[in-house]
Amino acid sequence: MSEFVFTLPAETVEAIAQRAAELVLDRLRRDGAGLAAPARTSPNATVRQAAEYLGAKPQRIYDLCSQGRLTRIKDGGRTLIAWAELEAYLAGAPTGPLGAELGAVAHALPAAYRDGYASGVRR
């Protein structure tokens, strides 16, 4: 078996390392791995803030609201999402109007089905 060796310029290696560090940092922030949460001056996030927090595009937030997975709070022309609900969504808990309905249904089920039913409807 022959060995294949190639050399990368130092600038290329540095660019790869920098990009890898950015991706890891983004993942740590998104997963809440002990890093500080974004500064919150309100109990609600704007769509832009919610998208940044979830590591998604703003359209994804609107889609989740339309699907009933997040609760939309209208303040004049602004759409807001509760920070607490975003945290619950990331934790995998049922959220939004759909989550409230599923929670009510799950509590009505026998205990043997309850956990599997509630966890089976997550994202």
Protein backbone atom coordinates (compact mmCIF):
# COMPACT_ATOMS: atom_id res chain seq x y z
CA MET A 1 0.00 0.00 0.00
CA SER A 2 1.46 3.35 -0.99
CA GLU A 3 1.24 6.45 1.15
CA PHE A 4 -0.22 9.65 -0.27
CA VAL A 5 1.22 12.88 1.15
CA PHE A 6 0.44 16.43 0.20
CA THR A 7 1.39 19.78 1.67
CA LEU A 8 -0.95 22.69 2.26
CA PRO A 9 0.23 26.27 2.48
CA ALA A 10 0.20 27.70 6.02
CA GLU A 11 -2.49 30.22 5.01
CA THR A 12 -4.82 27.41 3.93
CA VAL A 13 -4.30 25.49 7.16
CA GLU A 14 -4.98 28.68 9.14
CA ALA A 15 -8.18 29.36 7.16
CA ILE A 16 -9.41 25.81 7.78
CA ALA A 17 -8.62 26.08 11.50
CA GLN A 18 -10.36 29.46 11.76
CA ARG A 19 -13.50 28.16 10.04
CA ALA A 20 -13.57 25.05 12.23
CA ALA A 21 -13.28 27.21 15.36
CA GLU A 22 -16.19 29.39 14.16
CA LEU A 23 -18.38 26.33 13.53
CA VAL A 24 -17.60 24.86 16.96
CA LEU A 25 -18.30 28.16 18.69
CA ASP A 26 -21.62 28.55 16.84
CA ARG A 27 -22.62 25.01 17.86
CA LEU A 28 -21.67 25.61 21.49
CA ARG A 29 -23.68 28.83 21.59
CA ARG A 30 -26.68 27.19 19.95
CA ASP A 31 -26.57 24.15 22.24
CA GLY A 32 -26.06 26.30 25.34
CA ALA A 33 -22.92 24.50 26.45
CA GLY A 34 -22.20 26.72 29.42
CA LEU A 35 -21.71 29.88 27.43
CA ALA A 36 -23.55 33.06 28.30
CA ALA A 37 -26.95 33.47 26.70
CA PRO A 38 -27.56 36.54 24.57
CA ALA A 39 -28.22 39.73 26.51
CA ARG A 40 -31.95 39.94 27.15
CA THR A 41 -33.61 43.20 27.91
CA SER A 42 -37.09 41.77 27.39
CA PRO A 43 -38.84 38.45 28.13
CA ASN A 44 -39.50 38.22 24.38
CA ALA A 45 -37.19 37.94 21.40
CA THR A 46 -37.65 39.50 18.00
CA VAL A 47 -37.78 37.13 15.04
CA ARG A 48 -34.19 38.07 14.19
CA GLN A 49 -33.00 37.34 17.75
CA ALA A 50 -34.93 34.06 17.83
CA ALA A 51 -33.41 33.01 14.52
CA GLU A 52 -29.88 33.81 15.72
CA TYR A 53 -30.52 31.93 18.97
CA LEU A 54 -31.74 28.82 17.13
CA GLY A 55 -29.05 29.10 14.47
CA ALA A 56 -31.70 29.39 11.77
CA LYS A 57 -33.02 31.90 9.29
CA PRO A 58 -35.91 34.21 10.22
CA GLN A 59 -38.17 32.33 7.81
CA ARG A 60 -37.73 29.21 9.97
CA ILE A 61 -39.15 31.11 12.96
CA TYR A 62 -42.17 32.19 10.93
CA ASP A 63 -42.62 28.59 9.75
CA LEU A 64 -42.48 27.24 13.32
CA CYS A 65 -45.12 29.80 14.35
CA SER A 66 -47.35 28.84 11.41
CA GLN A 67 -46.99 25.16 12.32
CA GLY A 68 -48.05 25.90 15.91
CA ARG A 69 -44.69 24.84 17.32
CA LEU A 70 -43.88 28.33 18.63
CA THR A 71 -46.29 30.93 19.98
CA ARG A 72 -46.37 34.20 18.05
CA ILE A 73 -46.80 37.37 20.12
CA LYS A 74 -47.89 40.36 18.06
CA ASP A 75 -46.88 43.82 19.26
CA GLY A 76 -48.14 46.24 16.65
CA GLY A 77 -46.27 45.26 13.51
CA ARG A 78 -43.63 43.26 15.38
CA THR A 79 -43.67 39.51 15.89
CA LEU A 80 -42.12 38.35 19.16
CA ILE A 81 -41.34 34.94 20.65
CA ALA A 82 -40.89 34.27 24.37
CA TRP A 83 -37.28 33.43 25.29
CA ALA A 84 -38.55 30.73 27.66
CA GLU A 85 -40.38 29.05 24.79
CA LEU A 86 -37.27 29.14 22.60
CA GLU A 87 -35.29 27.46 25.38
CA ALA A 88 -37.99 24.81 25.80
CA TYR A 89 -38.03 24.23 22.04
CA LEU A 90 -34.26 23.65 22.02
CA ALA A 91 -34.62 21.28 24.97
CA GLY A 92 -37.08 19.22 22.94
CA ALA A 93 -40.17 20.00 25.00
CA PRO A 94 -43.51 20.38 23.20
CA THR A 95 -44.03 24.13 22.68
CA GLY A 96 -46.50 26.52 21.13
CA PRO A 97 -50.22 25.94 20.60
CA LEU A 98 -49.51 22.49 19.16
CA GLY A 99 -47.42 21.58 22.20
CA ALA A 100 -50.23 22.63 24.54
CA GLU A 101 -52.67 20.38 22.68
CA LEU A 102 -50.23 17.47 22.68
CA GLY A 103 -49.55 17.96 26.38
CA ALA A 104 -53.27 17.75 27.13
CA VAL A 105 -53.62 14.61 25.03
CA ALA A 106 -50.52 13.02 26.57
CA HIS A 107 -51.83 13.58 30.11
CA ALA A 108 -55.06 11.81 29.18
CA LEU A 109 -53.15 8.72 28.02
CA PRO A 110 -52.24 5.83 30.31
CA ALA A 111 -48.76 6.16 31.79
CA ALA A 112 -47.39 3.36 29.58
CA TYR A 113 -48.10 5.44 26.46
CA ARG A 114 -47.58 8.93 27.82
CA ASP A 115 -43.79 9.23 27.56
CA GLY A 116 -43.52 7.63 24.13
CA TYR A 117 -46.36 9.72 22.74
CA ALA A 118 -45.04 13.02 24.05
CA SER A 119 -41.49 12.37 22.87
CA GLY A 120 -42.58 10.98 19.50
CA VAL A 121 -44.03 14.28 18.35
CA ARG A 122 -40.94 16.39 18.75
CA ARG A 123 -39.27 17.89 15.71
